[in-house]
Amino acid sequence: MDKLRRSPLFYVGDKYKLIEEISKYFPKNIERFIEPFTGGGTVFLNIDAKKYLLNDIDHNVVNIHKYLISQSKNQNEFFNNLIKIIKKFNLSRSFIEDVVPQDLKKEWKKTYYAKFNKIGYKELKDTYNNSKNKDYLLLYLLLIYGFNRMLRFNSNNEFNIPVGNVDFNKNVEKALIEYFDFVKNKEIAIFKKDFSEFLMELNYKEGDFIYLDPPYLISFSEYNKLWNESNEKKLLGLLDELNNKGVKFAISNIILHKGKQNKIFMDWMKKYKVYKIKSNYISYHDNGIKKIEEVLVVNYD
């Protein structure tokens, strides 16, 4: 790829800081890039392939991607609509203008964005939650202005992330533009399925390559909390089956985290080629010093 792109979803723990390191181990020529755990999409945005088969179990993530892809050839209209909503709810918007009062910046030197956006963000959240037909532009803005840029919903399927100390800045604008420019002429199919269903239903071809960044068994982030040993074993068993069919894959995982070892994965990876990766895993539940070992496992030379 000619330049490094970051997903405009800004997923915590995405592979933005690692994509250059891990992608050097990927096959040189990829016909179909297959990603069962797409998440924010930073990996596929930095891979050159003829076709992209993307999947995620989170229907909100999938729908945001579908929405953004649908807007990729109408960027001016997208940004016009986005700016109207930002102004309507009086949210900070340094990518076009600085509207945060100087006295607020002086009083709340480190948290003035959260203070400024609090009221408008709540109104935006209420508007989204009370609407019958969900507007994914509103949800995208909730993600951008929300705490840690997370997607989380309560039992009533209401978005329930509090406001973050963040802004719609030039970095967000740049990520969106680069996303649009990348996807607008690409052949992309995106699915919302369980990983096993997604992987088992594909008809594999010469030139296919699967990259997997599943939830990590031994960490405690929001994204990983529903993953368990049964999921881990099912996934690794499927990869063995794909290996027997000659399908190329690479999988990222953490084998050591806060003194815990992922022995299931460590035993499994012995049959394949393993590369140690400098981890950028972040847990917002614990900011202490952590010894982490991350690996990339591949089944090809």
C-alpha atoms as a PDB file:
ATOM      1  CA  MET A   1       0.000   0.000   0.000  1.00  0.00           C
ATOM      2  CA  ASP A   2       1.178   3.525  -0.742  1.00  0.00           C
ATOM      3  CA  LYS A   3       0.237   4.939   2.673  1.00  0.00           C
ATOM      4  CA  LEU A   4      -0.994   3.776   6.044  1.00  0.00           C
ATOM      5  CA  ARG A   5      -4.723   4.209   6.637  1.00  0.00           C
ATOM      6  CA  ARG A   6      -6.549   4.193   9.939  1.00  0.00           C
ATOM      7  CA  SER A   7     -10.146   3.133  10.336  1.00  0.00           C
ATOM      8  CA  PRO A   8     -12.532   6.049  10.947  1.00  0.00           C
ATOM      9  CA  LEU A   9     -14.118   3.919  13.686  1.00  0.00           C
ATOM     10  CA  PHE A  10     -10.952   4.311  15.820  1.00  0.00           C
ATOM     11  CA  TYR A  11     -11.339   0.959  17.556  1.00  0.00           C
ATOM     12  CA  VAL A  12      -9.405   0.620  20.815  1.00  0.00           C
ATOM     13  CA  GLY A  13      -6.820  -2.113  20.281  1.00  0.00           C
ATOM     14  CA  ASP A  14      -7.073  -2.033  16.500  1.00  0.00           C
ATOM     15  CA  LYS A  15      -4.054  -2.986  14.430  1.00  0.00           C
ATOM     16  CA  TYR A  16      -3.160   0.526  13.224  1.00  0.00           C
ATOM     17  CA  LYS A  17       0.189   0.591  15.027  1.00  0.00           C
ATOM     18  CA  LEU A  18       0.953  -3.007  14.042  1.00  0.00           C
ATOM     19  CA  ILE A  19      -0.337  -3.314  10.492  1.00  0.00           C
ATOM     20  CA  GLU A  20       3.020  -2.529   8.892  1.00  0.00           C
ATOM     21  CA  GLU A  21       4.720  -5.156  11.053  1.00  0.00           C
ATOM     22  CA  ILE A  22       2.187  -7.946  10.597  1.00  0.00           C
ATOM     23  CA  SER A  23       1.390  -7.344   6.915  1.00  0.00           C
ATOM     24  CA  LYS A  24       5.015  -7.960   5.896  1.00  0.00           C
ATOM     25  CA  TYR A  25       4.325 -11.620   6.698  1.00  0.00           C
ATOM     26  CA  PHE A  26       1.225 -11.746   4.482  1.00  0.00           C
ATOM     27  CA  PRO A  27       1.291 -13.321   1.007  1.00  0.00           C
ATOM     28  CA  LYS A  28       2.490 -10.967  -1.716  1.00  0.00           C
ATOM     29  CA  ASN A  29      -0.405 -11.649  -4.077  1.00  0.00           C
ATOM     30  CA  ILE A  30      -3.911 -11.857  -2.623  1.00  0.00           C
ATOM     31  CA  GLU A  31      -6.947 -12.465  -4.785  1.00  0.00           C
ATOM     32  CA  ARG A  32      -9.550 -12.459  -1.999  1.00  0.00           C
ATOM     33  CA  PHE A  33      -8.796 -10.988   1.413  1.00  0.00           C
ATOM     34  CA  ILE A  34     -11.048 -12.672   3.976  1.00  0.00           C
ATOM     35  CA  GLU A  35     -11.516 -11.235   7.461  1.00  0.00           C
ATOM     36  CA  PRO A  36     -13.909 -12.991   9.895  1.00  0.00           C
ATOM     37  CA  PHE A  37     -13.354 -10.421  12.694  1.00  0.00           C
ATOM     38  CA  THR A  38     -13.262  -7.137  10.781  1.00  0.00           C
ATOM     39  CA  GLY A  39     -13.944  -4.748  13.681  1.00  0.00           C
ATOM     40  CA  GLY A  40     -13.006  -1.201  12.733  1.00  0.00           C
ATOM     41  CA  GLY A  41     -11.432  -2.339   9.476  1.00  0.00           C
ATOM     42  CA  THR A  42      -7.899  -0.978   9.783  1.00  0.00           C
ATOM     43  CA  VAL A  43      -6.381  -4.204   8.428  1.00  0.00           C
ATOM     44  CA  PHE A  44      -8.413  -4.513   5.231  1.00  0.00           C
ATOM     45  CA  LEU A  45      -7.885  -0.797   4.567  1.00  0.00           C
ATOM     46  CA  ASN A  46      -4.162  -1.501   4.275  1.00  0.00           C
ATOM     47  CA  ILE A  47      -4.255  -4.652   2.167  1.00  0.00           C
ATOM     48  CA  ASP A  48      -4.088  -4.787  -1.616  1.00  0.00           C
ATOM     49  CA  ALA A  49      -6.459  -7.455  -2.914  1.00  0.00           C
ATOM     50  CA  LYS A  50      -8.855  -7.918  -5.818  1.00  0.00           C
ATOM     51  CA  LYS A  51     -11.834  -8.642  -3.577  1.00  0.00           C
ATOM     52  CA  TYR A  52     -12.623  -8.275   0.131  1.00  0.00           C
ATOM     53  CA  LEU A  53     -14.892 -10.600   2.124  1.00  0.00           C
ATOM     54  CA  LEU A  54     -15.485  -8.968   5.496  1.00  0.00           C
ATOM     55  CA  ASN A  55     -17.449 -10.187   8.499  1.00  0.00           C
ATOM     56  CA  ASP A  56     -18.285  -9.200  12.047  1.00  0.00           C
ATOM     57  CA  ILE A  57     -20.825 -10.513  14.553  1.00  0.00           C
ATOM     58  CA  ASP A  58     -21.640  -6.974  15.739  1.00  0.00           C
ATOM     59  CA  HIS A  59     -24.486  -5.760  13.520  1.00  0.00           C
ATOM     60  CA  ASN A  60     -23.838  -2.131  14.469  1.00  0.00           C
ATOM     61  CA  VAL A  61     -20.228  -2.326  13.292  1.00  0.00           C
ATOM     62  CA  VAL A  62     -21.352  -4.009  10.083  1.00  0.00           C
ATOM     63  CA  ASN A  63     -24.060  -1.414   9.482  1.00  0.00           C
ATOM     64  CA  ILE A  64     -21.662   1.500  10.032  1.00  0.00           C
ATOM     65  CA  HIS A  65     -19.276  -0.020   7.480  1.00  0.00           C
ATOM     66  CA  LYS A  66     -22.125  -0.560   5.028  1.00  0.00           C
ATOM     67  CA  TYR A  67     -23.300   2.995   5.545  1.00  0.00           C
ATOM     68  CA  LEU A  68     -19.832   4.494   5.050  1.00  0.00           C
ATOM     69  CA  ILE A  69     -19.197   2.361   1.969  1.00  0.00           C
ATOM     70  CA  SER A  70     -22.523   3.555   0.544  1.00  0.00           C
ATOM     71  CA  GLN A  71     -21.410   7.166   1.055  1.00  0.00           C
ATOM     72  CA  SER A  72     -17.976   6.750  -0.513  1.00  0.00           C
ATOM     73  CA  LYS A  73     -19.000   8.174  -3.889  1.00  0.00           C
ATOM     74  CA  ASN A  74     -20.974  11.042  -2.332  1.00  0.00           C
ATOM     75  CA  GLN A  75     -18.382  12.539  -0.022  1.00  0.00           C
ATOM     76  CA  ASN A  76     -19.531  16.158  -0.337  1.00  0.00           C
ATOM     77  CA  GLU A  77     -23.111  15.258   0.515  1.00  0.00           C
ATOM     78  CA  PHE A  78     -21.925  13.090   3.410  1.00  0.00           C
ATOM     79  CA  PHE A  79     -19.840  15.862   4.956  1.00  0.00           C
ATOM     80  CA  ASN A  80     -22.582  18.438   4.424  1.00  0.00           C
ATOM     81  CA  ASN A  81     -25.063  16.245   6.301  1.00  0.00           C
ATOM     82  CA  LEU A  82     -22.505  15.466   8.989  1.00  0.00           C
ATOM     83  CA  ILE A  83     -21.719  19.147   9.585  1.00  0.00           C
ATOM     84  CA  LYS A  84     -25.431  20.001   9.798  1.00  0.00           C
ATOM     85  CA  ILE A  85     -25.912  17.439  12.573  1.00  0.00           C
ATOM     86  CA  ILE A  86     -22.764  18.509  14.440  1.00  0.00           C
ATOM     87  CA  LYS A  87     -23.906  22.128  14.355  1.00  0.00           C
ATOM     88  CA  LYS A  88     -27.492  21.223  15.277  1.00  0.00           C
ATOM     89  CA  PHE A  89     -26.292  19.590  18.500  1.00  0.00           C
ATOM     90  CA  ASN A  90     -23.542  22.176  19.022  1.00  0.00           C
ATOM     91  CA  LEU A  91     -20.691  19.687  19.227  1.00  0.00           C
ATOM     92  CA  SER A  92     -17.012  20.600  18.966  1.00  0.00           C
ATOM     93  CA  ARG A  93     -15.672  20.563  15.411  1.00  0.00           C
ATOM     94  CA  SER A  94     -12.073  21.647  15.170  1.00  0.00           C
ATOM     95  CA  PHE A  95     -11.802  20.130  11.687  1.00  0.00           C
ATOM     96  CA  ILE A  96     -13.720  23.167  10.412  1.00  0.00           C
ATOM     97  CA  GLU A  97     -13.772  25.677  13.310  1.00  0.00           C
ATOM     98  CA  ASP A  98     -12.960  26.057  17.003  1.00  0.00           C
ATOM     99  CA  VAL A  99     -16.183  26.745  18.914  1.00  0.00           C
ATOM    100  CA  VAL A 100     -15.047  25.891  22.448  1.00  0.00           C
ATOM    101  CA  PRO A 101     -14.904  29.100  24.554  1.00  0.00           C
ATOM    102  CA  GLN A 102     -11.462  30.084  25.852  1.00  0.00           C
ATOM    103  CA  ASP A 103     -12.729  30.448  29.420  1.00  0.00           C
ATOM    104  CA  LEU A 104     -13.941  26.844  29.342  1.00  0.00           C
ATOM    105  CA  LYS A 105     -10.515  25.724  28.099  1.00  0.00           C
ATOM    106  CA  LYS A 106      -8.850  27.606  30.957  1.00  0.00           C
ATOM    107  CA  GLU A 107     -11.193  26.232  33.615  1.00  0.00           C
ATOM    108  CA  TRP A 108     -11.103  22.622  32.384  1.00  0.00           C
ATOM    109  CA  LYS A 109      -7.668  22.382  30.806  1.00  0.00           C
ATOM    110  CA  LYS A 110      -7.689  18.621  30.267  1.00  0.00           C
ATOM    111  CA  THR A 111     -11.406  17.880  29.918  1.00  0.00           C
ATOM    112  CA  TYR A 112     -12.921  20.861  28.133  1.00  0.00           C
ATOM    113  CA  TYR A 113     -14.185  18.827  25.180  1.00  0.00           C
ATOM    114  CA  ALA A 114     -16.217  16.601  27.512  1.00  0.00           C
ATOM    115  CA  LYS A 115     -17.608  19.658  29.311  1.00  0.00           C
ATOM    116  CA  PHE A 116     -18.476  21.443  26.071  1.00  0.00           C
ATOM    117  CA  ASN A 117     -20.043  18.411  24.340  1.00  0.00           C
ATOM    118  CA  LYS A 118     -21.949  16.954  27.294  1.00  0.00           C
ATOM    119  CA  ILE A 119     -25.364  18.538  26.644  1.00  0.00           C
ATOM    120  CA  GLY A 120     -25.323  18.200  22.861  1.00  0.00           C
ATOM    121  CA  TYR A 121     -24.059  14.624  23.085  1.00  0.00           C
ATOM    122  CA  LYS A 122     -26.927  13.651  25.393  1.00  0.00           C
ATOM    123  CA  GLU A 123     -29.418  15.221  22.991  1.00  0.00           C
ATOM    124  CA  LEU A 124     -27.819  13.367  20.087  1.00  0.00           C
ATOM    125  CA  LYS A 125     -27.948  10.105  22.024  1.00  0.00           C
ATOM    126  CA  ASP A 126     -31.605  10.628  22.961  1.00  0.00           C
ATOM    127  CA  THR A 127     -32.467  11.422  19.345  1.00  0.00           C
ATOM    128  CA  TYR A 128     -30.802   8.227  18.137  1.00  0.00           C
ATOM    129  CA  ASN A 129     -32.303   6.023  20.864  1.00  0.00           C
ATOM    130  CA  ASN A 130     -35.820   7.398  20.359  1.00  0.00           C
ATOM    131  CA  SER A 131     -35.848   6.999  16.584  1.00  0.00           C
ATOM    132  CA  LYS A 132     -37.564   3.943  15.107  1.00  0.00           C
ATOM    133  CA  ASN A 133     -35.472   3.898  11.938  1.00  0.00           C
ATOM    134  CA  LYS A 134     -31.861   4.020  13.053  1.00  0.00           C
ATOM    135  CA  ASP A 135     -29.717   6.635  11.358  1.00  0.00           C
ATOM    136  CA  TYR A 136     -26.169   5.289  11.121  1.00  0.00           C
ATOM    137  CA  LEU A 137     -24.714   8.737  10.645  1.00  0.00           C
ATOM    138  CA  LEU A 138     -26.025   9.579  14.136  1.00  0.00           C
ATOM    139  CA  LEU A 139     -24.576   6.348  15.499  1.00  0.00           C
ATOM    140  CA  TYR A 140     -21.241   7.094  13.862  1.00  0.00           C
ATOM    141  CA  LEU A 141     -21.155  10.513  15.526  1.00  0.00           C
ATOM    142  CA  LEU A 142     -22.035   8.955  18.888  1.00  0.00           C
ATOM    143  CA  LEU A 143     -19.065   6.653  18.383  1.00  0.00           C
ATOM    144  CA  ILE A 144     -16.738   9.551  17.561  1.00  0.00           C
ATOM    145  CA  TYR A 145     -17.798  11.731  20.498  1.00  0.00           C
ATOM    146  CA  GLY A 146     -18.292   8.885  22.969  1.00  0.00           C
ATOM    147  CA  PHE A 147     -16.047   7.672  25.774  1.00  0.00           C
ATOM    148  CA  ASN A 148     -13.156   5.586  24.393  1.00  0.00           C
ATOM    149  CA  ARG A 149     -15.012   5.542  21.063  1.00  0.00           C
ATOM    150  CA  MET A 150     -16.894   2.403  21.998  1.00  0.00           C
ATOM    151  CA  LEU A 151     -20.160   0.885  20.785  1.00  0.00           C
ATOM    152  CA  ARG A 152     -22.198  -0.404  23.715  1.00  0.00           C
ATOM    153  CA  PHE A 153     -25.922  -0.873  24.222  1.00  0.00           C
ATOM    154  CA  ASN A 154     -28.148  -1.722  27.190  1.00  0.00           C
ATOM    155  CA  SER A 155     -30.751  -4.500  27.385  1.00  0.00           C
ATOM    156  CA  ASN A 156     -33.264  -2.252  25.599  1.00  0.00           C
ATOM    157  CA  ASN A 157     -30.820  -1.841  22.704  1.00  0.00           C
ATOM    158  CA  GLU A 158     -30.199   1.780  23.653  1.00  0.00           C
ATOM    159  CA  PHE A 159     -26.779   3.265  23.077  1.00  0.00           C
ATOM    160  CA  ASN A 160     -25.401   3.945  26.564  1.00  0.00           C
ATOM    161  CA  ILE A 161     -21.845   5.232  26.279  1.00  0.00           C
ATOM    162  CA  PRO A 162     -21.204   8.546  28.100  1.00  0.00           C
ATOM    163  CA  VAL A 163     -19.595  11.525  26.409  1.00  0.00           C
ATOM    164  CA  GLY A 164     -15.840  11.335  25.876  1.00  0.00           C
ATOM    165  CA  ASN A 165     -13.198  14.015  26.137  1.00  0.00           C
ATOM    166  CA  VAL A 166     -12.834  13.984  22.359  1.00  0.00           C
ATOM    167  CA  ASP A 167     -13.458  16.132  19.316  1.00  0.00           C
ATOM    168  CA  PHE A 168     -14.268  15.713  15.653  1.00  0.00           C
ATOM    169  CA  ASN A 169     -10.846  16.863  14.516  1.00  0.00           C
ATOM    170  CA  LYS A 170      -8.679  16.759  11.405  1.00  0.00           C
ATOM    171  CA  ASN A 171      -7.602  13.189  12.169  1.00  0.00           C
ATOM    172  CA  VAL A 172     -11.201  11.978  12.019  1.00  0.00           C
ATOM    173  CA  GLU A 173     -11.809  13.867   8.785  1.00  0.00           C
ATOM    174  CA  LYS A 174      -8.611  12.425   7.278  1.00  0.00           C
ATOM    175  CA  ALA A 175      -9.548   8.874   8.291  1.00  0.00           C
ATOM    176  CA  LEU A 176     -12.982   9.244   6.697  1.00  0.00           C
ATOM    177  CA  ILE A 177     -11.633  10.676   3.442  1.00  0.00           C
ATOM    178  CA  GLU A 178      -9.010   7.940   3.150  1.00  0.00           C
ATOM    179  CA  TYR A 179     -11.637   5.283   3.937  1.00  0.00           C
ATOM    180  CA  PHE A 180     -13.932   6.650   1.225  1.00  0.00           C
ATOM    181  CA  ASP A 181     -11.121   6.899  -1.315  1.00  0.00           C
ATOM    182  CA  PHE A 182     -10.068   3.316  -0.628  1.00  0.00           C
ATOM    183  CA  VAL A 183     -13.448   1.565  -0.667  1.00  0.00           C
ATOM    184  CA  LYS A 184     -15.241   3.458  -3.440  1.00  0.00           C
ATOM    185  CA  ASN A 185     -13.757   1.413  -6.300  1.00  0.00           C
ATOM    186  CA  LYS A 186     -13.174  -1.852  -4.440  1.00  0.00           C
ATOM    187  CA  GLU A 187     -15.193  -5.053  -4.657  1.00  0.00           C
ATOM    188  CA  ILE A 188     -16.300  -5.518  -1.050  1.00  0.00           C
ATOM    189  CA  ALA A 189     -18.830  -7.944   0.420  1.00  0.00           C
ATOM    190  CA  ILE A 190     -19.609  -7.582   4.116  1.00  0.00           C
ATOM    191  CA  PHE A 191     -21.478 -10.059   6.313  1.00  0.00           C
ATOM    192  CA  LYS A 192     -22.875 -10.280   9.842  1.00  0.00           C
ATOM    193  CA  LYS A 193     -22.378 -13.883  10.878  1.00  0.00           C
ATOM    194  CA  ASP A 194     -20.806 -15.982  13.576  1.00  0.00           C
ATOM    195  CA  PHE A 195     -17.175 -16.588  12.604  1.00  0.00           C
ATOM    196  CA  SER A 196     -17.670 -20.342  12.217  1.00  0.00           C
ATOM    197  CA  GLU A 197     -20.695 -19.944   9.955  1.00  0.00           C
ATOM    198  CA  PHE A 198     -18.840 -17.371   7.870  1.00  0.00           C
ATOM    199  CA  LEU A 199     -15.726 -19.509   7.467  1.00  0.00           C
ATOM    200  CA  MET A 200     -17.551 -22.773   6.778  1.00  0.00           C
ATOM    201  CA  GLU A 201     -19.880 -21.355   4.118  1.00  0.00           C
ATOM    202  CA  LEU A 202     -17.174 -19.949   1.844  1.00  0.00           C
ATOM    203  CA  ASN A 203     -16.113 -21.724  -1.324  1.00  0.00           C
ATOM    204  CA  TYR A 204     -12.352 -21.312  -1.173  1.00  0.00           C
ATOM    205  CA  LYS A 205     -10.295 -20.528  -4.247  1.00  0.00           C
ATOM    206  CA  GLU A 206      -6.694 -20.210  -5.301  1.00  0.00           C
ATOM    207  CA  GLY A 207      -5.326 -16.904  -4.012  1.00  0.00           C
ATOM    208  CA  ASP A 208      -7.567 -16.692  -0.941  1.00  0.00           C
ATOM    209  CA  PHE A 209      -6.003 -15.374   2.251  1.00  0.00           C
ATOM    210  CA  ILE A 210      -7.661 -15.211   5.663  1.00  0.00           C
ATOM    211  CA  TYR A 211      -6.516 -12.831   8.383  1.00  0.00           C
ATOM    212  CA  LEU A 212      -7.974 -13.299  11.848  1.00  0.00           C
ATOM    213  CA  ASP A 213      -7.812 -11.022  14.859  1.00  0.00           C
ATOM    214  CA  PRO A 214     -10.306 -12.730  17.186  1.00  0.00           C
ATOM    215  CA  PRO A 215     -11.206 -11.642  20.715  1.00  0.00           C
ATOM    216  CA  TYR A 216      -8.406 -12.517  23.127  1.00  0.00           C
ATOM    217  CA  LEU A 217      -9.121 -15.261  25.633  1.00  0.00           C
ATOM    218  CA  ILE A 218      -6.948 -13.894  28.448  1.00  0.00           C
ATOM    219  CA  SER A 219      -7.763 -10.179  28.345  1.00  0.00           C
ATOM    220  CA  PHE A 220     -10.695  -8.272  29.745  1.00  0.00           C
ATOM    221  CA  SER A 221     -11.742  -5.544  27.327  1.00  0.00           C
ATOM    222  CA  GLU A 222     -15.379  -5.012  26.297  1.00  0.00           C
ATOM    223  CA  TYR A 223     -14.670  -6.651  22.950  1.00  0.00           C
ATOM    224  CA  ASN A 224     -13.323  -9.841  24.535  1.00  0.00           C
ATOM    225  CA  LYS A 225     -15.837 -10.461  27.317  1.00  0.00           C
ATOM    226  CA  LEU A 226     -18.063 -12.886  25.370  1.00  0.00           C
ATOM    227  CA  TRP A 227     -15.168 -15.033  24.117  1.00  0.00           C
ATOM    228  CA  ASN A 228     -14.485 -18.296  25.940  1.00  0.00           C
ATOM    229  CA  GLU A 229     -12.459 -21.509  25.687  1.00  0.00           C
ATOM    230  CA  SER A 230     -15.167 -23.162  23.593  1.00  0.00           C
ATOM    231  CA  ASN A 231     -14.973 -20.372  20.996  1.00  0.00           C
ATOM    232  CA  GLU A 232     -11.180 -20.569  21.022  1.00  0.00           C
ATOM    233  CA  LYS A 233     -11.117 -24.318  20.433  1.00  0.00           C
ATOM    234  CA  LYS A 234     -13.789 -24.122  17.728  1.00  0.00           C
ATOM    235  CA  LEU A 235     -11.838 -21.444  15.862  1.00  0.00           C
ATOM    236  CA  LEU A 236      -8.525 -23.289  16.063  1.00  0.00           C
ATOM    237  CA  GLY A 237     -10.178 -26.519  14.908  1.00  0.00           C
ATOM    238  CA  LEU A 238     -11.615 -24.709  11.897  1.00  0.00           C
ATOM    239  CA  LEU A 239      -8.191 -23.316  11.045  1.00  0.00           C
ATOM    240  CA  ASP A 240      -6.740 -26.839  11.101  1.00  0.00           C
ATOM    241  CA  GLU A 241      -9.450 -27.895   8.640  1.00  0.00           C
ATOM    242  CA  LEU A 242      -8.669 -24.939   6.385  1.00  0.00           C
ATOM    243  CA  ASN A 243      -4.973 -25.757   6.577  1.00  0.00           C
ATOM    244  CA  ASN A 244      -5.737 -29.280   5.386  1.00  0.00           C
ATOM    245  CA  LYS A 245      -7.575 -27.757   2.405  1.00  0.00           C
ATOM    246  CA  GLY A 246      -4.551 -25.621   1.529  1.00  0.00           C
ATOM    247  CA  VAL A 247      -6.150 -22.285   2.476  1.00  0.00           C
ATOM    248  CA  LYS A 248      -3.626 -19.708   3.660  1.00  0.00           C
ATOM    249  CA  PHE A 249      -4.257 -17.903   6.928  1.00  0.00           C
ATOM    250  CA  ALA A 250      -2.602 -15.697   9.535  1.00  0.00           C
ATOM    251  CA  ILE A 251      -3.959 -15.180  13.038  1.00  0.00           C
ATOM    252  CA  SER A 252      -3.027 -12.644  15.724  1.00  0.00           C
ATOM    253  CA  ASN A 253      -3.313 -13.483  19.403  1.00  0.00           C
ATOM    254  CA  ILE A 254      -1.968 -12.712  22.853  1.00  0.00           C
ATOM    255  CA  ILE A 255      -0.335 -15.648  24.627  1.00  0.00           C
ATOM    256  CA  LEU A 256       0.707 -13.817  27.823  1.00  0.00           C
ATOM    257  CA  HIS A 257      -1.202 -11.047  29.586  1.00  0.00           C
ATOM    258  CA  LYS A 258      -0.933  -9.930  33.231  1.00  0.00           C
ATOM    259  CA  GLY A 259       0.629 -13.239  34.232  1.00  0.00           C
ATOM    260  CA  LYS A 260      -1.962 -15.363  32.427  1.00  0.00           C
ATOM    261  CA  GLN A 261      -1.052 -17.695  29.578  1.00  0.00           C
ATOM    262  CA  ASN A 262      -3.278 -18.818  26.727  1.00  0.00           C
ATOM    263  CA  LYS A 263      -2.154 -22.447  26.865  1.00  0.00           C
ATOM    264  CA  ILE A 264      -4.802 -23.581  24.386  1.00  0.00           C
ATOM    265  CA  PHE A 265      -3.414 -21.300  21.709  1.00  0.00           C
ATOM    266  CA  MET A 266       0.209 -21.930  22.686  1.00  0.00           C
ATOM    267  CA  ASP A 267      -0.192 -25.687  22.270  1.00  0.00           C
ATOM    268  CA  TRP A 268      -2.020 -25.259  18.972  1.00  0.00           C
ATOM    269  CA  MET A 269       0.462 -22.854  17.384  1.00  0.00           C
ATOM    270  CA  LYS A 270       3.367 -25.292  17.695  1.00  0.00           C
ATOM    271  CA  LYS A 271       2.348 -26.900  14.398  1.00  0.00           C
ATOM    272  CA  TYR A 272       2.652 -23.623  12.473  1.00  0.00           C
ATOM    273  CA  LYS A 273       5.104 -20.771  11.925  1.00  0.00           C
ATOM    274  CA  VAL A 274       5.108 -18.201  14.740  1.00  0.00           C
ATOM    275  CA  TYR A 275       6.308 -14.586  14.663  1.00  0.00           C
ATOM    276  CA  LYS A 276       6.581 -12.496  17.810  1.00  0.00           C
ATOM    277  CA  ILE A 277       4.886  -9.101  17.477  1.00  0.00           C
ATOM    278  CA  LYS A 278       5.420  -5.928  19.478  1.00  0.00           C
ATOM    279  CA  SER A 279       2.011  -5.577  21.112  1.00  0.00           C
ATOM    280  CA  ASN A 280      -0.011  -2.371  21.375  1.00  0.00           C
ATOM    281  CA  TYR A 281      -2.850  -3.945  23.347  1.00  0.00           C
ATOM    282  CA  ILE A 282      -4.518  -1.421  25.653  1.00  0.00           C
ATOM    283  CA  SER A 283      -6.925  -2.085  28.503  1.00  0.00           C
ATOM    284  CA  TYR A 284      -8.714   0.938  29.899  1.00  0.00           C
ATOM    285  CA  HIS A 285      -9.527  -1.064  33.013  1.00  0.00           C
ATOM    286  CA  ASP A 286      -5.877  -1.145  34.044  1.00  0.00           C
ATOM    287  CA  ASN A 287      -3.260   1.454  33.138  1.00  0.00           C
ATOM    288  CA  GLY A 288      -0.425  -0.259  34.999  1.00  0.00           C
ATOM    289  CA  ILE A 289       2.688  -1.763  33.461  1.00  0.00           C
ATOM    290  CA  LYS A 290       1.780  -5.047  31.758  1.00  0.00           C
ATOM    291  CA  LYS A 291       3.959  -7.772  30.302  1.00  0.00           C
ATOM    292  CA  ILE A 292       2.286  -8.851  27.085  1.00  0.00           C
ATOM    293  CA  GLU A 293       3.376 -11.293  24.419  1.00  0.00           C
ATOM    294  CA  GLU A 294       1.584 -11.072  21.096  1.00  0.00           C
ATOM    295  CA  VAL A 295       2.155 -13.410  18.166  1.00  0.00           C
ATOM    296  CA  LEU A 296       1.230 -13.817  14.541  1.00  0.00           C
ATOM    297  CA  VAL A 297       0.784 -17.446  13.463  1.00  0.00           C
ATOM    298  CA  VAL A 298       0.802 -18.384   9.776  1.00  0.00           C
ATOM    299  CA  ASN A 299       0.398 -21.678   7.914  1.00  0.00           C
ATOM    300  CA  TYR A 300       2.583 -20.913   4.889  1.00  0.00           C
ATOM    301  CA  ASP A 301       6.205 -20.156   4.065  1.00  0.00           C
END
